[in-house]
Amino acid sequence: NNREKDTLFNNIKLLQDCYEALMS
């Protein structure tokens, strides 16, 4: 419906970045 706005990338990218930085 909202193209890239509805993707997992748009929704959790920053959270995944935070998680990976924390684990690193």
mmCIF file of all heavy atoms, coordinates in Angstrom:
data_MODEL
# 
_entry.id   MODEL 
# 
loop_
_atom_site.group_PDB 
_atom_site.id 
_atom_site.type_symbol 
_atom_site.label_atom_id 
_atom_site.label_alt_id 
_atom_site.label_comp_id 
_atom_site.label_asym_id 
_atom_site.label_entity_id 
_atom_site.label_seq_id 
_atom_site.pdbx_PDB_ins_code 
_atom_site.Cartn_x 
_atom_site.Cartn_y 
_atom_site.Cartn_z 
_atom_site.occupancy 
_atom_site.B_iso_or_equiv 
_atom_site.pdbx_formal_charge 
_atom_site.auth_seq_id 
_atom_site.auth_comp_id 
_atom_site.auth_asym_id 
_atom_site.auth_atom_id 
_atom_site.pdbx_PDB_model_num 
ATOM 1   N N   . ASN A 1 1  ? 0.810  -1.215  0.000  1.00 0.00 ? 1  ASN A N   1 
ATOM 2   C CA  . ASN A 1 1  ? 0.000  0.000   0.000  1.00 0.00 ? 1  ASN A CA  1 
ATOM 3   C C   . ASN A 1 1  ? 0.845  1.268   0.000  1.00 0.00 ? 1  ASN A C   1 
ATOM 4   O O   . ASN A 1 1  ? 0.572  2.218   -0.732 1.00 0.00 ? 1  ASN A O   1 
ATOM 5   C CB  . ASN A 1 1  ? -0.943 0.001   1.209  1.00 0.00 ? 1  ASN A CB  1 
ATOM 6   C CG  . ASN A 1 1  ? -2.089 -0.978  1.040  1.00 0.00 ? 1  ASN A CG  1 
ATOM 7   O OD1 . ASN A 1 1  ? -2.418 -1.364  -0.077 1.00 0.00 ? 1  ASN A OD1 1 
ATOM 8   N ND2 . ASN A 1 1  ? -2.671 -1.401  2.140  1.00 0.00 ? 1  ASN A ND2 1 
ATOM 9   N N   . ASN A 1 2  ? 1.873  1.292   0.842  1.00 0.00 ? 2  ASN A N   1 
ATOM 10  C CA  . ASN A 1 2  ? 2.724  2.482   0.957  1.00 0.00 ? 2  ASN A CA  1 
ATOM 11  C C   . ASN A 1 2  ? 4.142  2.233   0.460  1.00 0.00 ? 2  ASN A C   1 
ATOM 12  O O   . ASN A 1 2  ? 5.090  2.848   0.945  1.00 0.00 ? 2  ASN A O   1 
ATOM 13  C CB  . ASN A 1 2  ? 2.750  2.965   2.414  1.00 0.00 ? 2  ASN A CB  1 
ATOM 14  C CG  . ASN A 1 2  ? 1.379  3.352   2.914  1.00 0.00 ? 2  ASN A CG  1 
ATOM 15  O OD1 . ASN A 1 2  ? 0.732  4.242   2.362  1.00 0.00 ? 2  ASN A OD1 1 
ATOM 16  N ND2 . ASN A 1 2  ? 0.906  2.672   3.955  1.00 0.00 ? 2  ASN A ND2 1 
ATOM 17  N N   . ARG A 1 3  ? 4.276  1.297   -0.464 1.00 0.00 ? 3  ARG A N   1 
ATOM 18  C CA  . ARG A 1 3  ? 5.562  0.962   -1.073 1.00 0.00 ? 3  ARG A CA  1 
ATOM 19  C C   . ARG A 1 3  ? 6.633  0.736   -0.012 1.00 0.00 ? 3  ARG A C   1 
ATOM 20  O O   . ARG A 1 3  ? 6.444  -0.068  0.888  1.00 0.00 ? 3  ARG A O   1 
ATOM 21  C CB  . ARG A 1 3  ? 5.952  2.052   -2.078 1.00 0.00 ? 3  ARG A CB  1 
ATOM 22  C CG  . ARG A 1 3  ? 4.937  2.211   -3.213 1.00 0.00 ? 3  ARG A CG  1 
ATOM 23  C CD  . ARG A 1 3  ? 5.234  3.364   -4.124 1.00 0.00 ? 3  ARG A CD  1 
ATOM 24  N NE  . ARG A 1 3  ? 6.373  3.108   -4.991 1.00 0.00 ? 3  ARG A NE  1 
ATOM 25  C CZ  . ARG A 1 3  ? 6.758  3.953   -5.942 1.00 0.00 ? 3  ARG A CZ  1 
ATOM 26  N NH1 . ARG A 1 3  ? 6.094  5.088   -6.147 1.00 0.00 ? 3  ARG A NH1 1 
ATOM 27  N NH2 . ARG A 1 3  ? 7.786  3.656   -6.701 1.00 0.00 ? 3  ARG A NH2 1 
ATOM 28  N N   . GLU A 1 4  ? 7.767  1.444   -0.096 1.00 0.00 ? 4  GLU A N   1 
ATOM 29  C CA  . GLU A 1 4  ? 8.871  1.185   0.831  1.00 0.00 ? 4  GLU A CA  1 
ATOM 30  C C   . GLU A 1 4  ? 8.533  1.530   2.278  1.00 0.00 ? 4  GLU A C   1 
ATOM 31  O O   . GLU A 1 4  ? 9.178  1.050   3.214  1.00 0.00 ? 4  GLU A O   1 
ATOM 32  C CB  . GLU A 1 4  ? 10.128 1.945   0.397  1.00 0.00 ? 4  GLU A CB  1 
ATOM 33  C CG  . GLU A 1 4  ? 10.024 3.456   0.484  1.00 0.00 ? 4  GLU A CG  1 
ATOM 34  C CD  . GLU A 1 4  ? 9.498  4.080   -0.799 1.00 0.00 ? 4  GLU A CD  1 
ATOM 35  O OE1 . GLU A 1 4  ? 9.063  3.326   -1.690 1.00 0.00 ? 4  GLU A OE1 1 
ATOM 36  O OE2 . GLU A 1 4  ? 9.526  5.311   -0.897 1.00 0.00 ? 4  GLU A OE2 1 
ATOM 37  N N   . LYS A 1 5  ? 7.508  2.355   2.499  1.00 0.00 ? 5  LYS A N   1 
ATOM 38  C CA  . LYS A 1 5  ? 7.123  2.726   3.865  1.00 0.00 ? 5  LYS A CA  1 
ATOM 39  C C   . LYS A 1 5  ? 6.571  1.536   4.631  1.00 0.00 ? 5  LYS A C   1 
ATOM 40  O O   . LYS A 1 5  ? 6.560  1.538   5.874  1.00 0.00 ? 5  LYS A O   1 
ATOM 41  C CB  . LYS A 1 5  ? 6.078  3.841   3.843  1.00 0.00 ? 5  LYS A CB  1 
ATOM 42  C CG  . LYS A 1 5  ? 6.550  5.136   3.194  1.00 0.00 ? 5  LYS A CG  1 
ATOM 43  C CD  . LYS A 1 5  ? 7.690  5.762   3.958  1.00 0.00 ? 5  LYS A CD  1 
ATOM 44  C CE  . LYS A 1 5  ? 8.100  7.103   3.332  1.00 0.00 ? 5  LYS A CE  1 
ATOM 45  N NZ  . LYS A 1 5  ? 9.253  7.707   4.032  1.00 0.00 ? 5  LYS A NZ  1 
ATOM 46  N N   . ASP A 1 6  ? 6.092  0.500   3.920  1.00 0.00 ? 6  ASP A N   1 
ATOM 47  C CA  . ASP A 1 6  ? 5.527  -0.688  4.568  1.00 0.00 ? 6  ASP A CA  1 
ATOM 48  C C   . ASP A 1 6  ? 6.514  -1.842  4.647  1.00 0.00 ? 6  ASP A C   1 
ATOM 49  O O   . ASP A 1 6  ? 6.138  -2.945  5.065  1.00 0.00 ? 6  ASP A O   1 
ATOM 50  C CB  . ASP A 1 6  ? 4.268  -1.155  3.818  1.00 0.00 ? 6  ASP A CB  1 
ATOM 51  C CG  . ASP A 1 6  ? 3.070  -0.266  4.094  1.00 0.00 ? 6  ASP A CG  1 
ATOM 52  O OD1 . ASP A 1 6  ? 3.102  0.479   5.091  1.00 0.00 ? 6  ASP A OD1 1 
ATOM 53  O OD2 . ASP A 1 6  ? 2.103  -0.317  3.315  1.00 0.00 ? 6  ASP A OD2 1 
ATOM 54  N N   . THR A 1 7  ? 7.761  -1.622  4.264  1.00 0.00 ? 7  THR A N   1 
ATOM 55  C CA  . THR A 1 7  ? 8.732  -2.710  4.258  1.00 0.00 ? 7  THR A CA  1 
ATOM 56  C C   . THR A 1 7  ? 9.343  -2.905  5.640  1.00 0.00 ? 7  THR A C   1 
ATOM 57  O O   . THR A 1 7  ? 9.348  -2.010  6.487  1.00 0.00 ? 7  THR A O   1 
ATOM 58  C CB  . THR A 1 7  ? 9.872  -2.429  3.259  1.00 0.00 ? 7  THR A CB  1 
ATOM 59  O OG1 . THR A 1 7  ? 10.545 -1.216  3.644  1.00 0.00 ? 7  THR A OG1 1 
ATOM 60  C CG2 . THR A 1 7  ? 9.342  -2.285  1.842  1.00 0.00 ? 7  THR A CG2 1 
ATOM 61  N N   . LEU A 1 8  ? 9.883  -4.097  5.847  1.00 0.00 ? 8  LEU A N   1 
ATOM 62  C CA  . LEU A 1 8  ? 10.602 -4.374  7.091  1.00 0.00 ? 8  LEU A CA  1 
ATOM 63  C C   . LEU A 1 8  ? 11.819 -3.475  7.219  1.00 0.00 ? 8  LEU A C   1 
ATOM 64  O O   . LEU A 1 8  ? 12.183 -3.060  8.325  1.00 0.00 ? 8  LEU A O   1 
ATOM 65  C CB  . LEU A 1 8  ? 11.020 -5.849  7.122  1.00 0.00 ? 8  LEU A CB  1 
ATOM 66  C CG  . LEU A 1 8  ? 9.906  -6.850  7.437  1.00 0.00 ? 8  LEU A CG  1 
ATOM 67  C CD1 . LEU A 1 8  ? 10.326 -8.259  7.038  1.00 0.00 ? 8  LEU A CD1 1 
ATOM 68  C CD2 . LEU A 1 8  ? 9.557  -6.803  8.913  1.00 0.00 ? 8  LEU A CD2 1 
ATOM 69  N N   . PHE A 1 9  ? 12.457 -3.161  6.091  1.00 0.00 ? 9  PHE A N   1 
ATOM 70  C CA  . PHE A 1 9  ? 13.613 -2.257  6.118  1.00 0.00 ? 9  PHE A CA  1 
ATOM 71  C C   . PHE A 1 9  ? 13.238 -0.929  6.752  1.00 0.00 ? 9  PHE A C   1 
ATOM 72  O O   . PHE A 1 9  ? 13.931 -0.424  7.641  1.00 0.00 ? 9  PHE A O   1 
ATOM 73  C CB  . PHE A 1 9  ? 14.129 -2.039  4.696  1.00 0.00 ? 9  PHE A CB  1 
ATOM 74  C CG  . PHE A 1 9  ? 15.150 -0.938  4.576  1.00 0.00 ? 9  PHE A CG  1 
ATOM 75  C CD1 . PHE A 1 9  ? 16.484 -1.187  4.828  1.00 0.00 ? 9  PHE A CD1 1 
ATOM 76  C CD2 . PHE A 1 9  ? 14.777 0.354   4.221  1.00 0.00 ? 9  PHE A CD2 1 
ATOM 77  C CE1 . PHE A 1 9  ? 17.434 -0.170  4.732  1.00 0.00 ? 9  PHE A CE1 1 
ATOM 78  C CE2 . PHE A 1 9  ? 15.703 1.371   4.126  1.00 0.00 ? 9  PHE A CE2 1 
ATOM 79  C CZ  . PHE A 1 9  ? 17.037 1.110   4.382  1.00 0.00 ? 9  PHE A CZ  1 
ATOM 80  N N   . ASN A 1 10 ? 12.138 -0.357  6.315  1.00 0.00 ? 10 ASN A N   1 
ATOM 81  C CA  . ASN A 1 10 ? 11.723 0.940   6.839  1.00 0.00 ? 10 ASN A CA  1 
ATOM 82  C C   . ASN A 1 10 ? 11.323 0.846   8.316  1.00 0.00 ? 10 ASN A C   1 
ATOM 83  O O   . ASN A 1 10 ? 11.583 1.766   9.099  1.00 0.00 ? 10 ASN A O   1 
ATOM 84  C CB  . ASN A 1 10 ? 10.547 1.473   6.025  1.00 0.00 ? 10 ASN A CB  1 
ATOM 85  C CG  . ASN A 1 10 ? 10.093 2.850   6.484  1.00 0.00 ? 10 ASN A CG  1 
ATOM 86  O OD1 . ASN A 1 10 ? 10.728 3.864   6.217  1.00 0.00 ? 10 ASN A OD1 1 
ATOM 87  N ND2 . ASN A 1 10 ? 8.975  2.906   7.206  1.00 0.00 ? 10 ASN A ND2 1 
ATOM 88  N N   . ASN A 1 11 ? 10.737 -0.277  8.699  1.00 0.00 ? 11 ASN A N   1 
ATOM 89  C CA  . ASN A 1 11 ? 10.185 -0.395  10.044 1.00 0.00 ? 11 ASN A CA  1 
ATOM 90  C C   . ASN A 1 11 ? 11.207 -0.746  11.109 1.00 0.00 ? 11 ASN A C   1 
ATOM 91  O O   . ASN A 1 11 ? 11.090 -0.297  12.258 1.00 0.00 ? 11 ASN A O   1 
ATOM 92  C CB  . ASN A 1 11 ? 9.056  -1.428  10.052 1.00 0.00 ? 11 ASN A CB  1 
ATOM 93  C CG  . ASN A 1 11 ? 7.855  -0.972  9.246  1.00 0.00 ? 11 ASN A CG  1 
ATOM 94  O OD1 . ASN A 1 11 ? 7.644  0.211   9.047  1.00 0.00 ? 11 ASN A OD1 1 
ATOM 95  N ND2 . ASN A 1 11 ? 7.062  -1.922  8.770  1.00 0.00 ? 11 ASN A ND2 1 
ATOM 96  N N   . ILE A 1 12 ? 12.198 -1.580  10.775 1.00 0.00 ? 12 ILE A N   1 
ATOM 97  C CA  . ILE A 1 12 ? 13.103 -2.044  11.834 1.00 0.00 ? 12 ILE A CA  1 
ATOM 98  C C   . ILE A 1 12 ? 14.582 -1.776  11.548 1.00 0.00 ? 12 ILE A C   1 
ATOM 99  O O   . ILE A 1 12 ? 15.437 -2.245  12.305 1.00 0.00 ? 12 ILE A O   1 
ATOM 100 C CB  . ILE A 1 12 ? 12.909 -3.556  12.098 1.00 0.00 ? 12 ILE A CB  1 
ATOM 101 C CG1 . ILE A 1 12 ? 13.379 -4.394  10.901 1.00 0.00 ? 12 ILE A CG1 1 
ATOM 102 C CG2 . ILE A 1 12 ? 11.463 -3.862  12.459 1.00 0.00 ? 12 ILE A CG2 1 
ATOM 103 C CD1 . ILE A 1 12 ? 13.390 -5.889  11.203 1.00 0.00 ? 12 ILE A CD1 1 
ATOM 104 N N   . LYS A 1 13 ? 14.896 -1.023  10.491 1.00 0.00 ? 13 LYS A N   1 
ATOM 105 C CA  . LYS A 1 13 ? 16.317 -0.766  10.188 1.00 0.00 ? 13 LYS A CA  1 
ATOM 106 C C   . LYS A 1 13 ? 17.049 -0.148  11.374 1.00 0.00 ? 13 LYS A C   1 
ATOM 107 O O   . LYS A 1 13 ? 18.132 -0.614  11.778 1.00 0.00 ? 13 LYS A O   1 
ATOM 108 C CB  . LYS A 1 13 ? 16.441 0.157   8.979  1.00 0.00 ? 13 LYS A CB  1 
ATOM 109 C CG  . LYS A 1 13 ? 17.880 0.608   8.712  1.00 0.00 ? 13 LYS A CG  1 
ATOM 110 C CD  . LYS A 1 13 ? 17.965 1.712   7.696  1.00 0.00 ? 13 LYS A CD  1 
ATOM 111 C CE  . LYS A 1 13 ? 19.395 2.167   7.475  1.00 0.00 ? 13 LYS A CE  1 
ATOM 112 N NZ  . LYS A 1 13 ? 20.012 2.761   8.682  1.00 0.00 ? 13 LYS A NZ  1 
ATOM 113 N N   . LEU A 1 14 ? 16.497 0.907   11.950 1.00 0.00 ? 14 LEU A N   1 
ATOM 114 C CA  . LEU A 1 14 ? 17.192 1.595   13.049 1.00 0.00 ? 14 LEU A CA  1 
ATOM 115 C C   . LEU A 1 14 ? 17.309 0.693   14.275 1.00 0.00 ? 14 LEU A C   1 
ATOM 116 O O   . LEU A 1 14 ? 18.329 0.732   14.983 1.00 0.00 ? 14 LEU A O   1 
ATOM 117 C CB  . LEU A 1 14 ? 16.448 2.890   13.395 1.00 0.00 ? 14 LEU A CB  1 
ATOM 118 C CG  . LEU A 1 14 ? 16.420 3.953   12.291 1.00 0.00 ? 14 LEU A CG  1 
ATOM 119 C CD1 . LEU A 1 14 ? 15.643 5.184   12.745 1.00 0.00 ? 14 LEU A CD1 1 
ATOM 120 C CD2 . LEU A 1 14 ? 17.834 4.350   11.885 1.00 0.00 ? 14 LEU A CD2 1 
ATOM 121 N N   . LEU A 1 15 ? 16.279 -0.107  14.540 1.00 0.00 ? 15 LEU A N   1 
ATOM 122 C CA  . LEU A 1 15 ? 16.355 -1.039  15.658 1.00 0.00 ? 15 LEU A CA  1 
ATOM 123 C C   . LEU A 1 15 ? 17.431 -2.095  15.414 1.00 0.00 ? 15 LEU A C   1 
ATOM 124 O O   . LEU A 1 15 ? 18.179 -2.455  16.326 1.00 0.00 ? 15 LEU A O   1 
ATOM 125 C CB  . LEU A 1 15 ? 14.999 -1.705  15.870 1.00 0.00 ? 15 LEU A CB  1 
ATOM 126 C CG  . LEU A 1 15 ? 13.915 -0.852  16.532 1.00 0.00 ? 15 LEU A CG  1 
ATOM 127 C CD1 . LEU A 1 15 ? 12.559 -1.545  16.444 1.00 0.00 ? 15 LEU A CD1 1 
ATOM 128 C CD2 . LEU A 1 15 ? 14.262 -0.573  17.989 1.00 0.00 ? 15 LEU A CD2 1 
ATOM 129 N N   . GLN A 1 16 ? 17.512 -2.599  14.178 1.00 0.00 ? 16 GLN A N   1 
ATOM 130 C CA  . GLN A 1 16 ? 18.543 -3.586  13.869 1.00 0.00 ? 16 GLN A CA  1 
ATOM 131 C C   . GLN A 1 16 ? 19.933 -2.958  13.972 1.00 0.00 ? 16 GLN A C   1 
ATOM 132 O O   . GLN A 1 16 ? 20.866 -3.596  14.481 1.00 0.00 ? 16 GLN A O   1 
ATOM 133 C CB  . GLN A 1 16 ? 18.325 -4.171  12.478 1.00 0.00 ? 16 GLN A CB  1 
ATOM 134 C CG  . GLN A 1 16 ? 19.396 -5.204  12.090 1.00 0.00 ? 16 GLN A CG  1 
ATOM 135 C CD  . GLN A 1 16 ? 19.087 -5.955  10.816 1.00 0.00 ? 16 GLN A CD  1 
ATOM 136 O OE1 . GLN A 1 16 ? 17.992 -6.473  10.643 1.00 0.00 ? 16 GLN A OE1 1 
ATOM 137 N NE2 . GLN A 1 16 ? 20.053 -6.012  9.904  1.00 0.00 ? 16 GLN A NE2 1 
ATOM 138 N N   . ASP A 1 17 ? 20.086 -1.723  13.507 1.00 0.00 ? 17 ASP A N   1 
ATOM 139 C CA  . ASP A 1 17 ? 21.374 -1.026  13.646 1.00 0.00 ? 17 ASP A CA  1 
ATOM 140 C C   . ASP A 1 17 ? 21.770 -0.928  15.112 1.00 0.00 ? 17 ASP A C   1 
ATOM 141 O O   . ASP A 1 17 ? 22.931 -1.157  15.482 1.00 0.00 ? 17 ASP A O   1 
ATOM 142 C CB  . ASP A 1 17 ? 21.286 0.378   13.041 1.00 0.00 ? 17 ASP A CB  1 
ATOM 143 C CG  . ASP A 1 17 ? 21.216 0.355   11.525 1.00 0.00 ? 17 ASP A CG  1 
ATOM 144 O OD1 . ASP A 1 17 ? 21.560 -0.681  10.931 1.00 0.00 ? 17 ASP A OD1 1 
ATOM 145 O OD2 . ASP A 1 17 ? 20.815 1.370   10.938 1.00 0.00 ? 17 ASP A OD2 1 
ATOM 146 N N   . CYS A 1 18 ? 20.796 -0.564  15.946 1.00 0.00 ? 18 CYS A N   1 
ATOM 147 C CA  . CYS A 1 18 ? 21.047 -0.425  17.382 1.00 0.00 ? 18 CYS A CA  1 
ATOM 148 C C   . CYS A 1 18 ? 21.465 -1.762  17.986 1.00 0.00 ? 18 CYS A C   1 
ATOM 149 O O   . CYS A 1 18 ? 22.412 -1.836  18.773 1.00 0.00 ? 18 CYS A O   1 
ATOM 150 C CB  . CYS A 1 18 ? 19.796 0.124   18.071 1.00 0.00 ? 18 CYS A CB  1 
ATOM 151 S SG  . CYS A 1 18 ? 19.968 0.393   19.836 1.00 0.00 ? 18 CYS A SG  1 
ATOM 152 N N   . TYR A 1 19 ? 20.771 -2.824  17.604 1.00 0.00 ? 19 TYR A N   1 
ATOM 153 C CA  . TYR A 1 19 ? 21.064 -4.158  18.128 1.00 0.00 ? 19 TYR A CA  1 
ATOM 154 C C   . TYR A 1 19 ? 22.459 -4.605  17.704 1.00 0.00 ? 19 TYR A C   1 
ATOM 155 O O   . TYR A 1 19 ? 23.232 -5.126  18.521 1.00 0.00 ? 19 TYR A O   1 
ATOM 156 C CB  . TYR A 1 19 ? 20.008 -5.137  17.629 1.00 0.00 ? 19 TYR A CB  1 
ATOM 157 C CG  . TYR A 1 19 ? 20.110 -6.525  18.221 1.00 0.00 ? 19 TYR A CG  1 
ATOM 158 C CD1 . TYR A 1 19 ? 19.447 -6.847  19.397 1.00 0.00 ? 19 TYR A CD1 1 
ATOM 159 C CD2 . TYR A 1 19 ? 20.869 -7.518  17.599 1.00 0.00 ? 19 TYR A CD2 1 
ATOM 160 C CE1 . TYR A 1 19 ? 19.533 -8.120  19.945 1.00 0.00 ? 19 TYR A CE1 1 
ATOM 161 C CE2 . TYR A 1 19 ? 20.963 -8.785  18.139 1.00 0.00 ? 19 TYR A CE2 1 
ATOM 162 C CZ  . TYR A 1 19 ? 20.294 -9.080  19.315 1.00 0.00 ? 19 TYR A CZ  1 
ATOM 163 O OH  . TYR A 1 19 ? 20.388 -10.349 19.842 1.00 0.00 ? 19 TYR A OH  1 
ATOM 164 N N   . GLU A 1 20 ? 22.790 -4.417  16.441 1.00 0.00 ? 20 GLU A N   1 
ATOM 165 C CA  . GLU A 1 20 ? 24.103 -4.851  15.942 1.00 0.00 ? 20 GLU A CA  1 
ATOM 166 C C   . GLU A 1 20 ? 25.229 -4.043  16.583 1.00 0.00 ? 20 GLU A C   1 
ATOM 167 O O   . GLU A 1 20 ? 26.294 -4.600  16.910 1.00 0.00 ? 20 GLU A O   1 
ATOM 168 C CB  . GLU A 1 20 ? 24.149 -4.725  14.425 1.00 0.00 ? 20 GLU A CB  1 
ATOM 169 C CG  . GLU A 1 20 ? 23.257 -5.732  13.705 1.00 0.00 ? 20 GLU A CG  1 
ATOM 170 C CD  . GLU A 1 20 ? 23.313 -5.590  12.197 1.00 0.00 ? 20 GLU A CD  1 
ATOM 171 O OE1 . GLU A 1 20 ? 23.833 -4.570  11.710 1.00 0.00 ? 20 GLU A OE1 1 
ATOM 172 O OE2 . GLU A 1 20 ? 22.824 -6.503  11.499 1.00 0.00 ? 20 GLU A OE2 1 
ATOM 173 N N   . ALA A 1 21 ? 25.017 -2.738  16.765 1.00 0.00 ? 21 ALA A N   1 
ATOM 174 C CA  . ALA A 1 21 ? 26.040 -1.904  17.411 1.00 0.00 ? 21 ALA A CA  1 
ATOM 175 C C   . ALA A 1 21 ? 26.247 -2.346  18.854 1.00 0.00 ? 21 ALA A C   1 
ATOM 176 O O   . ALA A 1 21 ? 27.381 -2.425  19.337 1.00 0.00 ? 21 ALA A O   1 
ATOM 177 C CB  . ALA A 1 21 ? 25.636 -0.440  17.342 1.00 0.00 ? 21 ALA A CB  1 
ATOM 178 N N   . LEU A 1 22 ? 25.143 -2.637  19.547 1.00 0.00 ? 22 LEU A N   1 
ATOM 179 C CA  . LEU A 1 22 ? 25.228 -3.097  20.934 1.00 0.00 ? 22 LEU A CA  1 
ATOM 180 C C   . LEU A 1 22 ? 25.997 -4.409  21.025 1.00 0.00 ? 22 LEU A C   1 
ATOM 181 O O   . LEU A 1 22 ? 26.902 -4.567  21.862 1.00 0.00 ? 22 LEU A O   1 
ATOM 182 C CB  . LEU A 1 22 ? 23.824 -3.276  21.505 1.00 0.00 ? 22 LEU A CB  1 
ATOM 183 C CG  . LEU A 1 22 ? 23.720 -3.988  22.860 1.00 0.00 ? 22 LEU A CG  1 
ATOM 184 C CD1 . LEU A 1 22 ? 24.380 -3.150  23.938 1.00 0.00 ? 22 LEU A CD1 1 
ATOM 185 C CD2 . LEU A 1 22 ? 22.268 -4.289  23.210 1.00 0.00 ? 22 LEU A CD2 1 
ATOM 186 N N   . MET A 1 23 ? 25.646 -5.374  20.159 1.00 0.00 ? 23 MET A N   1 
ATOM 187 C CA  . MET A 1 23 ? 26.325 -6.673  20.189 1.00 0.00 ? 23 MET A CA  1 
ATOM 188 C C   . MET A 1 23 ? 27.799 -6.541  19.819 1.00 0.00 ? 23 MET A C   1 
ATOM 189 O O   . MET A 1 23 ? 28.657 -7.243  20.372 1.00 0.00 ? 23 MET A O   1 
ATOM 190 C CB  . MET A 1 23 ? 25.617 -7.645  19.245 1.00 0.00 ? 23 MET A CB  1 
ATOM 191 C CG  . MET A 1 23 ? 24.183 -7.980  19.653 1.00 0.00 ? 23 MET A CG  1 
ATOM 192 S SD  . MET A 1 23 ? 24.069 -8.688  21.303 1.00 0.00 ? 23 MET A SD  1 
ATOM 193 C CE  . MET A 1 23 ? 24.967 -10.223 21.093 1.00 0.00 ? 23 MET A CE  1 
ATOM 194 N N   . SER A 1 24 ? 28.102 -5.640  18.891 1.00 0.00 ? 24 SER A N   1 
ATOM 195 C CA  . SER A 1 24 ? 29.502 -5.410  18.518 1.00 0.00 ? 24 SER A CA  1 
ATOM 196 C C   . SER A 1 24 ? 30.268 -4.804  19.691 1.00 0.00 ? 24 SER A C   1 
ATOM 197 O O   . SER A 1 24 ? 31.394 -5.220  20.001 1.00 0.00 ? 24 SER A O   1 
ATOM 198 C CB  . SER A 1 24 ? 29.576 -4.492  17.294 1.00 0.00 ? 24 SER A CB  1 
ATOM 199 O OG  . SER A 1 24 ? 28.951 -5.083  16.174 1.00 0.00 ? 24 SER A OG  1 
# 
